[in-house]
Amino acid sequence: IAADPQGREAYRKGHLPGAVYVTRQELDDLAANRQGFPIPTAKAEALFSRLGIDETVQVVAYDDTGGLLAARLVYVLHFFGHTKASVLNGGLTKWTKEGRALAAEEPAVRPRKFVAKPNPDLIVTADWLKKNLKGNFVLVDSRTPEEYGGTNQDPDIKAKGHIPGAVNLNWADTITEEKTFKTPQELQKLFAATGAKPGVPLITYCRTGVRSAHNWLVAKLLGYADVKNYDGSWIDWGNDPTAPVER
């Protein structure tokens, strides 16, 4: 599955043979995030059925941004109970650099019946975080240092800064210049620096829940067992006048 941020036109110009296309907008829904879902359950069932996914299908997601949108797709699938999903390391960037074949035609997709089985253990809401801010978990802010420190400009969000107690781990620091994942040793060092430890729950967030889904995936790949995404993220928290903020 191609999750291409450059739009359908880029997909039509060249994609991995057999790949179907999904947009970022189809994989996120702020109103649903506030209720504890990445997207509405009915929307997930319709989308993944249309893409030809059921419990028998192995999904490989890719993009050209270092796995950012691909990881979002994997996260949403995992949330709805489909764990046979992974990211193509290096995505389109590595694929084309290695001279591998691309296709222009869109494949015919046979719709399948996707049955959603939501897993609430993979997500938290603002209400939960407010009640549990002093709880025993590590909170990882996946945005840039500028966003974390509140020195950025974002006209869509009233507050600047970060959730109290959050530690910054920019998702982009987990990939190389070639858009592949860094080594497990390098990634483990990055997460250890946040205070993450085996057995301690880990919660990621960013601006809209996409970059934090990437850090969620990296943490899962490293073997952290209890990892959740605050999917509403800063666009939810930073526009809530009752939510505390640090800078």
Protein backbone atom coordinates (compact mmCIF):
# COMPACT_ATOMS: atom_id res chain seq x y z
CA ILE A 1 0.00 0.00 0.00
CA ALA A 2 1.38 3.35 -1.03
CA ALA A 3 0.76 6.21 1.41
CA ASP A 4 2.13 9.02 -0.71
CA PRO A 5 2.17 12.57 0.72
CA GLN A 6 2.73 14.03 -2.75
CA GLY A 7 -0.75 13.00 -3.79
CA ARG A 8 -2.36 10.63 -6.23
CA GLU A 9 -0.60 12.27 -9.18
CA ALA A 10 2.79 11.15 -7.86
CA TYR A 11 1.38 7.66 -7.31
CA ARG A 12 0.20 7.55 -10.93
CA LYS A 13 3.63 8.56 -12.19
CA GLY A 14 5.24 5.59 -10.55
CA HIS A 15 4.62 3.20 -7.66
CA LEU A 16 5.65 -0.26 -6.58
CA PRO A 17 3.99 -2.85 -8.82
CA GLY A 18 0.66 -3.92 -7.36
CA ALA A 19 0.49 -1.11 -4.82
CA VAL A 20 -2.85 0.51 -4.03
CA TYR A 21 -3.12 4.10 -2.84
CA VAL A 22 -4.32 5.60 0.43
CA THR A 23 -4.21 9.22 1.60
CA ARG A 24 -3.15 10.62 4.96
CA GLN A 25 -6.61 12.13 5.39
CA GLU A 26 -8.19 8.68 5.25
CA LEU A 27 -6.05 7.56 8.20
CA ASP A 28 -6.85 10.23 10.79
CA ASP A 29 -9.94 11.83 12.31
CA LEU A 30 -9.64 14.28 15.21
CA ALA A 31 -13.23 13.80 16.40
CA ALA A 32 -12.62 10.05 16.54
CA ASN A 33 -9.27 10.60 18.29
CA ARG A 34 -11.07 12.40 21.09
CA GLN A 35 -13.29 9.34 21.50
CA GLY A 36 -10.33 6.94 21.59
CA PHE A 37 -10.15 5.84 17.94
CA PRO A 38 -7.68 6.71 15.12
CA ILE A 39 -10.64 6.85 12.70
CA PRO A 40 -14.26 5.75 13.17
CA THR A 41 -14.68 1.98 13.21
CA ALA A 42 -17.18 1.99 10.33
CA LYS A 43 -14.80 4.14 8.28
CA ALA A 44 -11.94 1.70 8.96
CA GLU A 45 -14.01 -1.27 7.86
CA ALA A 46 -15.09 0.48 4.66
CA LEU A 47 -11.58 1.73 3.83
CA PHE A 48 -9.70 -1.50 4.43
CA SER A 49 -12.40 -3.59 2.75
CA ARG A 50 -12.08 -1.36 -0.33
CA LEU A 51 -8.30 -1.75 -0.27
CA GLY A 52 -8.67 -5.51 -0.35
CA ILE A 53 -7.62 -6.28 3.22
CA ASP A 54 -9.02 -9.04 5.41
CA GLU A 55 -7.49 -11.19 8.15
CA THR A 56 -5.61 -13.33 5.59
CA VAL A 57 -3.74 -10.44 3.94
CA GLN A 58 -0.21 -9.35 4.82
CA VAL A 59 0.05 -5.57 4.38
CA VAL A 60 3.32 -3.86 3.47
CA ALA A 61 3.07 -0.07 3.66
CA TYR A 62 5.50 2.40 2.11
CA ASP A 63 5.88 6.09 1.32
CA ASP A 64 8.68 8.46 0.33
CA THR A 65 9.08 10.24 3.68
CA GLY A 66 11.04 7.69 5.68
CA GLY A 67 8.05 5.61 6.73
CA LEU A 68 6.03 8.42 8.31
CA LEU A 69 2.69 7.76 6.63
CA ALA A 70 3.40 4.06 6.24
CA ALA A 71 3.79 3.80 10.01
CA ARG A 72 0.50 5.64 10.45
CA LEU A 73 -1.22 3.04 8.30
CA VAL A 74 0.40 0.21 10.28
CA TYR A 75 -0.69 1.83 13.54
CA VAL A 76 -4.31 2.19 12.40
CA LEU A 77 -4.37 -1.41 11.19
CA HIS A 78 -2.89 -2.65 14.48
CA PHE A 79 -5.46 -0.64 16.42
CA PHE A 80 -8.26 -2.35 14.55
CA GLY A 81 -6.78 -5.78 15.16
CA HIS A 82 -4.84 -6.38 11.95
CA THR A 83 -1.29 -7.05 13.11
CA LYS A 84 -0.09 -8.58 9.83
CA ALA A 85 1.18 -5.17 8.71
CA SER A 86 4.69 -3.78 8.36
CA VAL A 87 6.65 -0.87 6.86
CA LEU A 88 8.93 -1.26 3.85
CA ASN A 89 12.25 0.02 5.21
CA GLY A 90 13.42 2.91 3.04
CA GLY A 91 10.17 2.96 1.10
CA LEU A 92 10.05 4.43 -2.39
CA THR A 93 13.33 6.28 -1.79
CA LYS A 94 15.38 3.10 -1.34
CA TRP A 95 13.37 1.20 -3.95
CA THR A 96 14.12 3.70 -6.72
CA LYS A 97 17.74 4.22 -5.63
CA GLU A 98 18.29 0.50 -6.12
CA GLY A 99 16.85 0.72 -9.64
CA ARG A 100 13.84 -1.44 -8.96
CA ALA A 101 10.84 -1.44 -11.29
CA LEU A 102 7.94 0.97 -10.92
CA ALA A 103 4.46 0.73 -12.37
CA ALA A 104 2.09 3.43 -13.62
CA GLU A 105 -1.12 1.47 -13.90
CA GLU A 106 -3.45 1.11 -10.94
CA PRO A 107 -4.08 -2.52 -10.04
CA ALA A 108 -7.57 -3.97 -9.95
CA VAL A 109 -8.44 -4.61 -6.31
CA ARG A 110 -10.80 -7.34 -5.20
CA PRO A 111 -12.63 -5.96 -2.17
CA ARG A 112 -12.57 -8.15 0.93
CA LYS A 113 -14.48 -7.99 4.19
CA PHE A 114 -12.42 -6.26 6.89
CA VAL A 115 -13.77 -6.88 10.37
CA ALA A 116 -12.52 -4.27 12.85
CA LYS A 117 -11.49 -5.42 16.32
CA PRO A 118 -10.53 -2.18 18.13
CA ASN A 119 -7.72 -2.42 20.68
CA PRO A 120 -8.13 0.45 23.19
CA ASP A 121 -4.76 -0.46 24.76
CA LEU A 122 -3.01 1.31 21.85
CA ILE A 123 -4.49 4.78 22.36
CA VAL A 124 -5.13 7.42 25.02
CA THR A 125 -7.30 10.53 25.03
CA ALA A 126 -6.81 13.99 26.50
CA ASP A 127 -9.26 13.17 29.27
CA TRP A 128 -7.22 10.13 30.27
CA LEU A 129 -3.93 12.06 30.15
CA LYS A 130 -5.25 14.90 32.30
CA LYS A 131 -6.30 12.43 34.99
CA ASN A 132 -3.05 10.45 34.83
CA LEU A 133 -0.32 13.02 34.12
CA LYS A 134 1.62 12.00 37.21
CA GLY A 135 1.26 8.30 36.43
CA ASN A 136 4.01 5.76 35.90
CA PHE A 137 4.74 6.12 32.19
CA VAL A 138 7.13 7.88 29.82
CA LEU A 139 5.55 10.56 27.62
CA VAL A 140 7.40 11.11 24.33
CA ASP A 141 6.81 14.25 22.24
CA SER A 142 7.60 13.28 18.65
CA ARG A 143 7.68 16.81 17.20
CA THR A 144 10.61 19.07 16.35
CA PRO A 145 12.55 20.77 19.18
CA GLU A 146 11.03 24.08 18.04
CA GLU A 147 7.49 22.78 18.41
CA TYR A 148 8.34 21.14 21.73
CA GLY A 149 9.88 24.36 23.05
CA GLY A 150 7.07 26.56 21.75
CA THR A 151 9.24 28.72 19.48
CA ASN A 152 7.42 27.67 16.30
CA GLN A 153 4.53 29.43 14.59
CA ASP A 154 1.31 27.41 14.28
CA PRO A 155 -1.81 29.50 13.63
CA ASP A 156 -4.10 26.50 14.12
CA ILE A 157 -3.08 25.90 17.74
CA LYS A 158 -3.54 28.40 20.57
CA ALA A 159 -0.99 27.12 23.08
CA LYS A 160 2.75 26.73 22.56
CA GLY A 161 5.04 24.26 24.26
CA HIS A 162 4.45 20.67 25.33
CA ILE A 163 2.49 18.46 27.70
CA PRO A 164 3.96 18.63 31.24
CA GLY A 165 6.54 15.90 31.81
CA ALA A 166 6.97 15.06 28.12
CA VAL A 167 10.45 14.33 26.74
CA ASN A 168 11.30 15.30 23.16
CA LEU A 169 12.29 12.65 20.61
CA ASN A 170 11.84 14.09 17.13
CA TRP A 171 10.59 11.24 14.93
CA ALA A 172 12.99 12.37 12.19
CA ASP A 173 15.93 11.45 14.43
CA THR A 174 14.96 7.78 14.10
CA ILE A 175 15.72 7.63 10.35
CA THR A 176 18.85 8.10 8.25
CA GLU A 177 19.43 10.56 5.41
CA GLU A 178 18.60 7.66 3.09
CA LYS A 179 15.12 7.43 4.70
CA THR A 180 15.76 4.06 6.34
CA PHE A 181 15.45 3.22 10.02
CA LYS A 182 18.60 3.74 12.05
CA THR A 183 20.20 0.63 13.56
CA PRO A 184 18.48 -1.05 16.52
CA GLN A 185 21.40 0.03 18.71
CA GLU A 186 21.04 3.67 17.69
CA LEU A 187 17.27 3.57 18.15
CA GLN A 188 17.55 1.92 21.54
CA LYS A 189 19.93 4.68 22.65
CA LEU A 190 17.46 7.37 21.53
CA PHE A 191 14.58 5.82 23.43
CA ALA A 192 16.68 5.09 26.51
CA ALA A 193 17.53 8.80 26.60
CA THR A 194 13.81 9.57 27.05
CA GLY A 195 13.74 7.43 30.18
CA ALA A 196 12.00 4.56 28.43
CA LYS A 197 12.56 1.23 30.18
CA PRO A 198 11.24 -2.30 29.68
CA GLY A 199 8.06 -2.78 31.66
CA VAL A 200 7.29 0.95 31.88
CA PRO A 201 4.38 2.13 29.67
CA LEU A 202 5.30 4.51 26.86
CA ILE A 203 2.95 7.13 25.36
CA THR A 204 3.79 9.03 22.17
CA TYR A 205 2.22 12.18 20.75
CA CYS A 206 3.03 14.86 18.15
CA ARG A 207 0.86 17.48 16.43
CA THR A 208 -1.81 15.27 14.88
CA GLY A 209 -0.87 11.69 15.80
CA VAL A 210 1.03 10.81 12.60
CA ARG A 211 4.65 11.40 13.66
CA SER A 212 3.83 9.84 17.02
CA ALA A 213 2.57 6.74 15.20
CA HIS A 214 6.05 6.43 13.71
CA ASN A 215 7.68 6.61 17.14
CA TRP A 216 5.02 4.17 18.37
CA LEU A 217 6.09 1.72 15.68
CA VAL A 218 9.81 2.15 16.42
CA ALA A 219 9.19 1.53 20.11
CA LYS A 220 7.23 -1.63 19.28
CA LEU A 221 10.02 -2.83 16.99
CA LEU A 222 12.49 -2.30 19.83
CA GLY A 223 10.45 -4.58 22.03
CA TYR A 224 8.65 -2.12 24.28
CA ALA A 225 5.50 -4.02 25.16
CA ASP A 226 3.11 -1.30 26.34
CA VAL A 227 3.13 1.59 23.84
CA LYS A 228 0.18 3.91 23.26
CA ASN A 229 -0.42 6.89 20.98
CA TYR A 230 -2.15 10.03 22.23
CA ASP A 231 -3.73 10.40 18.82
CA GLY A 232 -5.43 13.74 19.41
CA SER A 233 -1.94 15.09 20.13
CA TRP A 234 -1.05 18.78 20.26
CA ILE A 235 -3.81 20.02 17.96
CA ASP A 236 -6.21 18.60 20.55
CA TRP A 237 -4.27 19.45 23.75
CA GLY A 238 -3.01 22.85 22.63
CA ASN A 239 -6.53 24.04 21.80
CA ASP A 240 -7.97 22.90 25.13
CA PRO A 241 -7.92 25.80 27.64
CA THR A 242 -8.16 23.33 30.54
CA ALA A 243 -5.05 21.38 29.50
CA PRO A 244 -1.79 22.32 31.29
CA VAL A 245 1.23 23.32 29.19
CA GLU A 246 4.98 23.55 29.76
CA ARG A 247 7.56 25.47 27.74
